[in-house]
Amino acid sequence: MELDCANSSDALLMNIFCRTRSVRSTKLCSLLGVPPGLGPEFGFRPRIPFRDAKPDRTEIDMTLGALLIEAKLTESDFQSAPIRLIERYRDINDVFEVQALPASGGQVLNYQLIRGVLAAHCTDGSFCVLCDARRPDLIERWYSVIESVKCCDLRCRLQMLTWQELATALPKSFRQFLTNKYGVIAVNCQTDSAHWL
């Protein structure tokens, strides 16, 4: 069903990571900070705990081992939610300076990112946001969430990677497909690793 919308970020993730060569690519795995040969899992439920001990039913777009990935392509933002929804999470005050989280009109912004960070915390994993380099507003939003994370160890497991950077690790034919279909042109990173924060 995810592929019904061919321009969705989920469809693009599946196009890239369902290719056996992609997941075995040492360059791609180096960018993501994972060992080669891992199989992707789409629609992963990390079961983030609420204060009442029940788990959230949040889905993360994809996992590769302990790496959780949230992908954005044509989506306009990372959603917002009333503060009461944020306060349901058991570890919210351990993970975030809640008062420092971006908010507007009684709504906490970047709800998906907050849940992603909480998911990385509860799974002892890492969390990567994949988005378009042509959307500096989304990149800024991610950094604003990271600034609110209390724990240095967790902050070091948070990552930003653009589709343009990811494209450098893909086969030439697939890079051309990305350019033709999405306007994504491969851009070399300054280092061999993604932007770990």
C-alpha atoms as a PDB file:
ATOM      1  CA  MET A   1       0.000   0.000   0.000  1.00  0.00           C
ATOM      2  CA  GLU A   2       2.924   2.349   0.728  1.00  0.00           C
ATOM      3  CA  LEU A   3       3.878   2.180  -2.938  1.00  0.00           C
ATOM      4  CA  ASP A   4       0.458   3.458  -4.052  1.00  0.00           C
ATOM      5  CA  CYS A   5       1.868   6.967  -3.734  1.00  0.00           C
ATOM      6  CA  ALA A   6       4.964   6.720  -5.913  1.00  0.00           C
ATOM      7  CA  ASN A   7       6.263  10.090  -4.718  1.00  0.00           C
ATOM      8  CA  SER A   8       6.074   9.254  -1.015  1.00  0.00           C
ATOM      9  CA  SER A   9       9.135   9.035   1.197  1.00  0.00           C
ATOM     10  CA  ASP A  10       8.112   5.468   2.123  1.00  0.00           C
ATOM     11  CA  ALA A  11       8.092   4.452  -1.539  1.00  0.00           C
ATOM     12  CA  LEU A  12      11.527   6.011  -2.050  1.00  0.00           C
ATOM     13  CA  LEU A  13      12.907   4.224   1.035  1.00  0.00           C
ATOM     14  CA  MET A  14      11.598   0.917  -0.296  1.00  0.00           C
ATOM     15  CA  ASN A  15      13.030   1.576  -3.750  1.00  0.00           C
ATOM     16  CA  ILE A  16      16.470   2.183  -2.254  1.00  0.00           C
ATOM     17  CA  PHE A  17      16.670  -0.317   0.580  1.00  0.00           C
ATOM     18  CA  CYS A  18      14.870  -3.270  -0.997  1.00  0.00           C
ATOM     19  CA  ARG A  19      17.752  -3.432  -3.454  1.00  0.00           C
ATOM     20  CA  THR A  20      20.113  -6.104  -2.107  1.00  0.00           C
ATOM     21  CA  ARG A  21      23.151  -4.256  -3.462  1.00  0.00           C
ATOM     22  CA  SER A  22      22.176  -1.078  -1.608  1.00  0.00           C
ATOM     23  CA  VAL A  23      22.061  -2.674   1.837  1.00  0.00           C
ATOM     24  CA  ARG A  24      25.350  -4.444   1.176  1.00  0.00           C
ATOM     25  CA  SER A  25      27.063  -1.272  -0.042  1.00  0.00           C
ATOM     26  CA  THR A  26      29.865  -0.393   2.371  1.00  0.00           C
ATOM     27  CA  LYS A  27      29.648   3.260   1.329  1.00  0.00           C
ATOM     28  CA  LEU A  28      25.933   3.473   2.080  1.00  0.00           C
ATOM     29  CA  CYS A  29      26.308   1.582   5.353  1.00  0.00           C
ATOM     30  CA  SER A  30      29.188   3.874   6.340  1.00  0.00           C
ATOM     31  CA  LEU A  31      26.976   6.922   5.733  1.00  0.00           C
ATOM     32  CA  LEU A  32      24.299   5.415   7.976  1.00  0.00           C
ATOM     33  CA  GLY A  33      26.694   4.051  10.585  1.00  0.00           C
ATOM     34  CA  VAL A  34      25.513   0.432  10.280  1.00  0.00           C
ATOM     35  CA  PRO A  35      27.290  -2.792   9.294  1.00  0.00           C
ATOM     36  CA  PRO A  36      26.655  -4.124   5.764  1.00  0.00           C
ATOM     37  CA  GLY A  37      24.154  -6.908   5.161  1.00  0.00           C
ATOM     38  CA  LEU A  38      21.348  -5.837   7.500  1.00  0.00           C
ATOM     39  CA  GLY A  39      17.796  -6.299   6.246  1.00  0.00           C
ATOM     40  CA  PRO A  40      15.415  -3.328   6.413  1.00  0.00           C
ATOM     41  CA  GLU A  41      12.180  -3.480   8.379  1.00  0.00           C
ATOM     42  CA  PHE A  42       9.440  -1.070   7.322  1.00  0.00           C
ATOM     43  CA  GLY A  43       6.714   0.223   9.640  1.00  0.00           C
ATOM     44  CA  PHE A  44       8.595  -0.746  12.813  1.00  0.00           C
ATOM     45  CA  ARG A  45       6.725  -0.229  16.120  1.00  0.00           C
ATOM     46  CA  PRO A  46       9.213   0.596  18.890  1.00  0.00           C
ATOM     47  CA  ARG A  47       6.521   0.434  21.621  1.00  0.00           C
ATOM     48  CA  ILE A  48       7.511   3.677  23.371  1.00  0.00           C
ATOM     49  CA  PRO A  49       6.181   3.383  26.938  1.00  0.00           C
ATOM     50  CA  PHE A  50       3.500   5.697  28.309  1.00  0.00           C
ATOM     51  CA  ARG A  51       3.311   6.647  31.995  1.00  0.00           C
ATOM     52  CA  ASP A  52       0.520   4.078  32.462  1.00  0.00           C
ATOM     53  CA  ALA A  53       2.913   1.356  31.174  1.00  0.00           C
ATOM     54  CA  LYS A  54       0.950   0.871  27.961  1.00  0.00           C
ATOM     55  CA  PRO A  55       3.024   1.196  24.746  1.00  0.00           C
ATOM     56  CA  ASP A  56       2.509   3.799  22.038  1.00  0.00           C
ATOM     57  CA  ARG A  57       1.558   2.430  18.606  1.00  0.00           C
ATOM     58  CA  THR A  58       3.877   4.851  16.779  1.00  0.00           C
ATOM     59  CA  GLU A  59       5.486   3.507  13.608  1.00  0.00           C
ATOM     60  CA  ILE A  60       9.008   4.358  12.526  1.00  0.00           C
ATOM     61  CA  ASP A  61       9.417   4.403   8.728  1.00  0.00           C
ATOM     62  CA  MET A  62      12.295   1.920   8.654  1.00  0.00           C
ATOM     63  CA  THR A  63      14.930   0.220  10.778  1.00  0.00           C
ATOM     64  CA  LEU A  64      18.316  -1.212   9.856  1.00  0.00           C
ATOM     65  CA  GLY A  65      19.484  -3.118  12.906  1.00  0.00           C
ATOM     66  CA  ALA A  66      19.459  -0.629  15.799  1.00  0.00           C
ATOM     67  CA  LEU A  67      19.142   2.386  13.476  1.00  0.00           C
ATOM     68  CA  LEU A  68      15.655   3.925  13.292  1.00  0.00           C
ATOM     69  CA  ILE A  69      14.947   6.042  10.202  1.00  0.00           C
ATOM     70  CA  GLU A  70      12.278   8.724   9.698  1.00  0.00           C
ATOM     71  CA  ALA A  71      12.082   9.847   6.060  1.00  0.00           C
ATOM     72  CA  LYS A  72      10.593  13.011   4.611  1.00  0.00           C
ATOM     73  CA  LEU A  73      10.261  13.897   0.949  1.00  0.00           C
ATOM     74  CA  THR A  74       7.119  15.790  -0.054  1.00  0.00           C
ATOM     75  CA  GLU A  75       5.648  16.107   3.448  1.00  0.00           C
ATOM     76  CA  SER A  76       5.357  19.662   4.715  1.00  0.00           C
ATOM     77  CA  ASP A  77       6.336  19.219   8.376  1.00  0.00           C
ATOM     78  CA  PHE A  78       6.858  16.850  11.323  1.00  0.00           C
ATOM     79  CA  GLN A  79       3.340  17.271  12.765  1.00  0.00           C
ATOM     80  CA  SER A  80       2.338  18.984  15.996  1.00  0.00           C
ATOM     81  CA  ALA A  81       0.406  17.834  19.062  1.00  0.00           C
ATOM     82  CA  PRO A  82      -1.098  19.248  22.256  1.00  0.00           C
ATOM     83  CA  ILE A  83       1.294  19.195  25.223  1.00  0.00           C
ATOM     84  CA  ARG A  84      -0.977  16.645  26.963  1.00  0.00           C
ATOM     85  CA  LEU A  85      -0.033  14.063  24.290  1.00  0.00           C
ATOM     86  CA  ILE A  86       3.669  14.689  24.855  1.00  0.00           C
ATOM     87  CA  GLU A  87       3.258  14.402  28.627  1.00  0.00           C
ATOM     88  CA  ARG A  88       1.814  10.866  28.293  1.00  0.00           C
ATOM     89  CA  TYR A  89       5.303   9.470  27.582  1.00  0.00           C
ATOM     90  CA  ARG A  90       7.010   7.922  30.596  1.00  0.00           C
ATOM     91  CA  ASP A  91      10.515   9.168  29.756  1.00  0.00           C
ATOM     92  CA  ILE A  92       9.694  12.585  28.306  1.00  0.00           C
ATOM     93  CA  ASN A  93      11.219  14.493  31.238  1.00  0.00           C
ATOM     94  CA  ASP A  94      14.292  12.244  31.363  1.00  0.00           C
ATOM     95  CA  VAL A  95      15.005  12.711  27.646  1.00  0.00           C
ATOM     96  CA  PHE A  96      13.978  16.329  26.985  1.00  0.00           C
ATOM     97  CA  GLU A  97      14.029  19.766  28.530  1.00  0.00           C
ATOM     98  CA  VAL A  98      10.309  19.881  27.819  1.00  0.00           C
ATOM     99  CA  GLN A  99      10.035  23.658  28.247  1.00  0.00           C
ATOM    100  CA  ALA A 100      12.689  24.063  25.531  1.00  0.00           C
ATOM    101  CA  LEU A 101      10.782  22.038  22.921  1.00  0.00           C
ATOM    102  CA  PRO A 102       9.521  24.259  20.081  1.00  0.00           C
ATOM    103  CA  ALA A 103       5.847  25.117  20.600  1.00  0.00           C
ATOM    104  CA  SER A 104       3.222  27.433  19.171  1.00  0.00           C
ATOM    105  CA  GLY A 105      -0.377  28.144  20.179  1.00  0.00           C
ATOM    106  CA  GLY A 106      -0.502  25.406  22.797  1.00  0.00           C
ATOM    107  CA  GLN A 107       0.881  22.830  20.348  1.00  0.00           C
ATOM    108  CA  VAL A 108       4.285  21.181  20.606  1.00  0.00           C
ATOM    109  CA  LEU A 109       5.912  21.164  17.166  1.00  0.00           C
ATOM    110  CA  ASN A 110       7.844  18.308  15.542  1.00  0.00           C
ATOM    111  CA  TYR A 111       5.852  15.560  17.256  1.00  0.00           C
ATOM    112  CA  GLN A 112       7.225  12.844  14.932  1.00  0.00           C
ATOM    113  CA  LEU A 113      10.794  13.800  15.761  1.00  0.00           C
ATOM    114  CA  ILE A 114      10.112  13.810  19.500  1.00  0.00           C
ATOM    115  CA  ARG A 115       8.643  10.312  19.245  1.00  0.00           C
ATOM    116  CA  GLY A 116      11.631   9.198  17.154  1.00  0.00           C
ATOM    117  CA  VAL A 117      14.080  10.383  19.812  1.00  0.00           C
ATOM    118  CA  LEU A 118      12.013   8.666  22.513  1.00  0.00           C
ATOM    119  CA  ALA A 119      12.055   5.494  20.396  1.00  0.00           C
ATOM    120  CA  ALA A 120      15.858   5.625  20.130  1.00  0.00           C
ATOM    121  CA  HIS A 121      16.016   6.093  23.902  1.00  0.00           C
ATOM    122  CA  CYS A 122      13.742   3.146  24.736  1.00  0.00           C
ATOM    123  CA  THR A 123      15.406   0.783  22.226  1.00  0.00           C
ATOM    124  CA  ASP A 124      18.984   1.920  22.979  1.00  0.00           C
ATOM    125  CA  GLY A 125      19.251   2.581  19.263  1.00  0.00           C
ATOM    126  CA  SER A 126      20.099   5.483  16.965  1.00  0.00           C
ATOM    127  CA  PHE A 127      17.722   7.740  15.065  1.00  0.00           C
ATOM    128  CA  CYS A 128      18.303   9.191  11.601  1.00  0.00           C
ATOM    129  CA  VAL A 129      16.167  11.774   9.843  1.00  0.00           C
ATOM    130  CA  LEU A 130      16.333  11.591   6.049  1.00  0.00           C
ATOM    131  CA  CYS A 131      15.102  14.684   4.223  1.00  0.00           C
ATOM    132  CA  ASP A 132      15.614  16.831   1.160  1.00  0.00           C
ATOM    133  CA  ALA A 133      18.505  19.292   1.261  1.00  0.00           C
ATOM    134  CA  ARG A 134      16.164  21.721  -0.484  1.00  0.00           C
ATOM    135  CA  ARG A 135      14.111  21.874   2.732  1.00  0.00           C
ATOM    136  CA  PRO A 136      16.335  23.798   5.168  1.00  0.00           C
ATOM    137  CA  ASP A 137      13.222  24.513   7.259  1.00  0.00           C
ATOM    138  CA  LEU A 138      12.854  20.795   8.077  1.00  0.00           C
ATOM    139  CA  ILE A 139      16.572  20.507   8.828  1.00  0.00           C
ATOM    140  CA  GLU A 140      16.294  23.477  11.216  1.00  0.00           C
ATOM    141  CA  ARG A 141      13.337  21.838  12.937  1.00  0.00           C
ATOM    142  CA  TRP A 142      15.375  18.703  13.565  1.00  0.00           C
ATOM    143  CA  TYR A 143      18.209  20.707  15.106  1.00  0.00           C
ATOM    144  CA  SER A 144      15.740  22.560  17.336  1.00  0.00           C
ATOM    145  CA  VAL A 145      14.549  19.217  18.739  1.00  0.00           C
ATOM    146  CA  ILE A 146      18.115  18.004  19.300  1.00  0.00           C
ATOM    147  CA  GLU A 147      18.892  21.155  21.287  1.00  0.00           C
ATOM    148  CA  SER A 148      16.223  20.052  23.779  1.00  0.00           C
ATOM    149  CA  VAL A 149      17.729  16.574  24.362  1.00  0.00           C
ATOM    150  CA  LYS A 150      19.293  16.329  27.832  1.00  0.00           C
ATOM    151  CA  CYS A 151      21.541  13.287  27.490  1.00  0.00           C
ATOM    152  CA  CYS A 152      24.828  13.683  25.568  1.00  0.00           C
ATOM    153  CA  ASP A 153      24.990   9.953  24.867  1.00  0.00           C
ATOM    154  CA  LEU A 154      21.569  10.008  23.224  1.00  0.00           C
ATOM    155  CA  ARG A 155      22.351  13.229  21.358  1.00  0.00           C
ATOM    156  CA  CYS A 156      25.374  11.469  19.836  1.00  0.00           C
ATOM    157  CA  ARG A 157      23.040   8.798  18.449  1.00  0.00           C
ATOM    158  CA  LEU A 158      20.938  11.319  16.505  1.00  0.00           C
ATOM    159  CA  GLN A 159      21.684  11.906  12.845  1.00  0.00           C
ATOM    160  CA  MET A 160      20.637  13.973   9.834  1.00  0.00           C
ATOM    161  CA  LEU A 161      21.225  12.773   6.286  1.00  0.00           C
ATOM    162  CA  THR A 162      19.869  14.289   3.090  1.00  0.00           C
ATOM    163  CA  TRP A 163      18.628  12.335   0.098  1.00  0.00           C
ATOM    164  CA  GLN A 164      21.298  14.162  -1.901  1.00  0.00           C
ATOM    165  CA  GLU A 165      24.061  12.800   0.357  1.00  0.00           C
ATOM    166  CA  LEU A 166      22.519   9.332   0.362  1.00  0.00           C
ATOM    167  CA  ALA A 167      22.455   9.358  -3.444  1.00  0.00           C
ATOM    168  CA  THR A 168      26.266   9.499  -3.583  1.00  0.00           C
ATOM    169  CA  ALA A 169      26.385   5.936  -2.241  1.00  0.00           C
ATOM    170  CA  LEU A 170      23.949   4.510  -4.806  1.00  0.00           C
ATOM    171  CA  PRO A 171      24.661   3.006  -8.243  1.00  0.00           C
ATOM    172  CA  LYS A 172      24.884   5.485 -11.130  1.00  0.00           C
ATOM    173  CA  SER A 173      21.663   4.230 -12.741  1.00  0.00           C
ATOM    174  CA  PHE A 174      19.748   4.760  -9.517  1.00  0.00           C
ATOM    175  CA  ARG A 175      21.233   8.236  -9.054  1.00  0.00           C
ATOM    176  CA  GLN A 176      19.873   9.078 -12.500  1.00  0.00           C
ATOM    177  CA  PHE A 177      16.447   7.762 -11.502  1.00  0.00           C
ATOM    178  CA  LEU A 178      16.500  10.006  -8.406  1.00  0.00           C
ATOM    179  CA  THR A 179      17.418  13.008 -10.518  1.00  0.00           C
ATOM    180  CA  ASN A 180      14.755  12.340 -13.147  1.00  0.00           C
ATOM    181  CA  LYS A 181      11.885  11.454 -10.799  1.00  0.00           C
ATOM    182  CA  TYR A 182      12.583  13.565  -7.708  1.00  0.00           C
ATOM    183  CA  GLY A 183      15.086  16.221  -8.793  1.00  0.00           C
ATOM    184  CA  VAL A 184      17.526  14.786  -6.223  1.00  0.00           C
ATOM    185  CA  ILE A 185      21.100  15.358  -7.379  1.00  0.00           C
ATOM    186  CA  ALA A 186      23.913  13.547  -5.553  1.00  0.00           C
ATOM    187  CA  VAL A 187      26.039  15.871  -3.406  1.00  0.00           C
ATOM    188  CA  ASN A 188      29.249  14.617  -1.806  1.00  0.00           C
ATOM    189  CA  CYS A 189      29.508  14.833   1.974  1.00  0.00           C
ATOM    190  CA  GLN A 190      32.513  16.540   3.497  1.00  0.00           C
ATOM    191  CA  THR A 191      33.277  13.304   5.375  1.00  0.00           C
ATOM    192  CA  ASP A 192      32.500   9.630   4.950  1.00  0.00           C
ATOM    193  CA  SER A 193      29.965   9.734   7.765  1.00  0.00           C
ATOM    194  CA  ALA A 194      26.603  11.385   8.095  1.00  0.00           C
ATOM    195  CA  HIS A 195      25.934  14.398  10.286  1.00  0.00           C
ATOM    196  CA  TRP A 196      26.032  12.859  13.732  1.00  0.00           C
ATOM    197  CA  LEU A 197      25.069  15.467  16.277  1.00  0.00           C
END
